Amino acid sequence: MGAPGTLTLPAPAKINLFLHVTGRRSDGYHTLETLLVPIDYGDRVTLALRAGPEIVRPRDITELALDDDLAVRAARLLQRHSTFRSSCSASPDSREASAKRLNA
C-alpha cells in the first residue's frame, strides 16, 4: 500500500513479435501490421499529489528532457483531463536501479 496521496499502478510489458510497415496514409503516418503479446512482467508508475500546479520528477534525470519524459507527459494529460485540479509528481519507479525490471 502506498503513502497517502499517492497512486501506484502497474505498467505491464509486452513483446512485439513482428512489425511490418505496410504503407503510408494521406496524413503521413504509416500503416502497420504488428503482433503485440502481453507478458507477466513490467514496471510500476507512481503519482503523488503536490501543492502547486506544476508537474515535477522527484529525481533529476539529466539525460531525458522533461518534455520528452513519457511519465511527465502522462501526468500532464491526467491533470488536463481530470476534474481534480491539483499537481502531482510523476515518478516511473523503473528509473530507479533498485526497482527497474525492464531495460529502457
Protein backbone atom coordinates (compact mmCIF):
# COMPACT_ATOMS: atom_id res chain seq x y z
CA MET A 1 0.00 0.00 0.00
CA GLY A 2 1.29 3.47 -0.93
CA ALA A 3 1.61 6.60 1.12
CA PRO A 4 -1.45 8.86 1.46
CA GLY A 5 -1.97 10.95 -1.69
CA THR A 6 -0.12 8.51 -3.93
CA LEU A 7 -1.26 6.17 -6.65
CA THR A 8 0.97 3.34 -7.86
CA LEU A 9 -0.10 1.42 -10.95
CA PRO A 10 1.45 -1.37 -12.97
CA ALA A 11 3.00 -0.59 -16.36
CA PRO A 12 2.72 -4.02 -17.96
CA ALA A 13 5.24 -5.08 -20.57
CA LYS A 14 4.60 -6.57 -23.96
CA ILE A 15 6.73 -8.12 -26.66
CA ASN A 16 6.42 -7.09 -30.26
CA LEU A 17 6.69 -10.37 -32.19
CA PHE A 18 6.73 -8.62 -35.55
CA LEU A 19 6.22 -5.21 -37.11
CA HIS A 20 5.65 -4.62 -40.81
CA VAL A 21 5.23 -1.20 -42.39
CA THR A 22 2.54 -1.83 -44.99
CA GLY A 23 2.04 1.65 -46.45
CA ARG A 24 1.59 5.33 -45.78
CA ARG A 25 -1.64 7.17 -45.05
CA SER A 26 -2.59 10.54 -46.53
CA ASP A 27 -1.77 12.24 -43.19
CA GLY A 28 1.84 11.00 -43.38
CA TYR A 29 1.54 8.25 -40.76
CA HIS A 30 2.41 4.70 -41.74
CA THR A 31 0.03 1.78 -41.74
CA LEU A 32 1.34 -1.09 -39.69
CA GLU A 33 0.83 -4.77 -39.19
CA THR A 34 2.04 -5.98 -35.80
CA LEU A 35 1.53 -8.59 -33.13
CA LEU A 36 1.99 -7.49 -29.52
CA VAL A 37 1.87 -10.14 -26.81
CA PRO A 38 1.47 -9.18 -23.14
CA ILE A 39 3.86 -10.79 -20.70
CA ASP A 40 3.62 -11.26 -16.94
CA TYR A 41 6.31 -8.68 -16.24
CA GLY A 42 6.63 -4.91 -16.10
CA ASP A 43 7.42 -1.77 -14.15
CA ARG A 44 5.37 0.49 -11.86
CA VAL A 45 4.42 4.16 -12.15
CA THR A 46 3.70 6.23 -9.04
CA LEU A 47 1.81 9.53 -8.98
CA ALA A 48 1.84 11.69 -5.85
CA LEU A 49 -0.26 14.77 -5.05
CA ARG A 50 1.66 18.01 -4.50
CA ALA A 51 0.91 21.62 -3.66
CA GLY A 52 1.08 23.92 -6.69
CA PRO A 53 0.21 23.49 -10.38
CA GLU A 54 3.49 22.13 -11.73
CA ILE A 55 4.34 18.53 -12.54
CA VAL A 56 7.80 17.50 -11.45
CA ARG A 57 10.05 14.47 -11.33
CA PRO A 58 11.25 13.60 -7.81
CA ARG A 59 14.67 12.67 -9.21
CA ASP A 60 16.73 14.64 -11.72
CA ILE A 61 17.18 12.63 -14.91
CA THR A 62 19.66 14.75 -16.85
CA GLU A 63 19.72 12.56 -19.96
CA LEU A 64 15.96 12.95 -20.52
CA ALA A 65 14.32 16.33 -21.11
CA LEU A 66 11.20 16.97 -19.05
CA ASP A 67 9.05 17.37 -22.18
CA ASP A 68 10.32 14.03 -23.54
CA ASP A 69 9.56 12.07 -20.34
CA LEU A 70 6.53 9.86 -21.00
CA ALA A 71 5.65 9.77 -17.29
CA VAL A 72 5.56 13.58 -17.15
CA ARG A 73 3.54 13.77 -20.38
CA ALA A 74 1.04 11.23 -19.00
CA ALA A 75 0.74 13.17 -15.72
CA ARG A 76 0.07 16.38 -17.68
CA LEU A 77 -2.69 14.64 -19.66
CA LEU A 78 -4.19 13.25 -16.46
CA GLN A 79 -4.12 16.71 -14.89
CA ARG A 80 -5.64 18.34 -18.00
CA HIS A 81 -8.48 15.82 -18.37
CA SER A 82 -9.42 15.24 -14.74
CA THR A 83 -11.87 17.25 -12.69
CA PHE A 84 -9.42 17.14 -9.77
CA ARG A 85 -7.19 20.17 -10.35
CA SER A 86 -4.01 19.58 -8.43
CA SER A 87 -0.41 18.93 -9.29
CA CYS A 88 1.46 15.71 -9.00
CA SER A 89 4.89 14.19 -9.11
CA ALA A 90 5.41 11.75 -11.94
CA SER A 91 7.72 9.01 -10.81
CA PRO A 92 8.30 5.99 -13.00
CA ASP A 93 9.72 3.52 -10.50
CA SER A 94 11.60 1.86 -13.33
CA ARG A 95 14.01 4.81 -13.36
CA GLU A 96 15.46 3.65 -10.06
CA ALA A 97 18.01 0.90 -10.49
CA SER A 98 16.69 -1.00 -7.47
CA ALA A 99 13.14 -1.08 -8.85
CA LYS A 100 13.93 -1.45 -12.53
CA ARG A 101 12.82 -4.70 -14.07
CA LEU A 102 12.94 -3.85 -17.79
CA ASN A 103 15.65 -2.23 -19.89
CA ALA A 104 14.76 1.22 -21.19
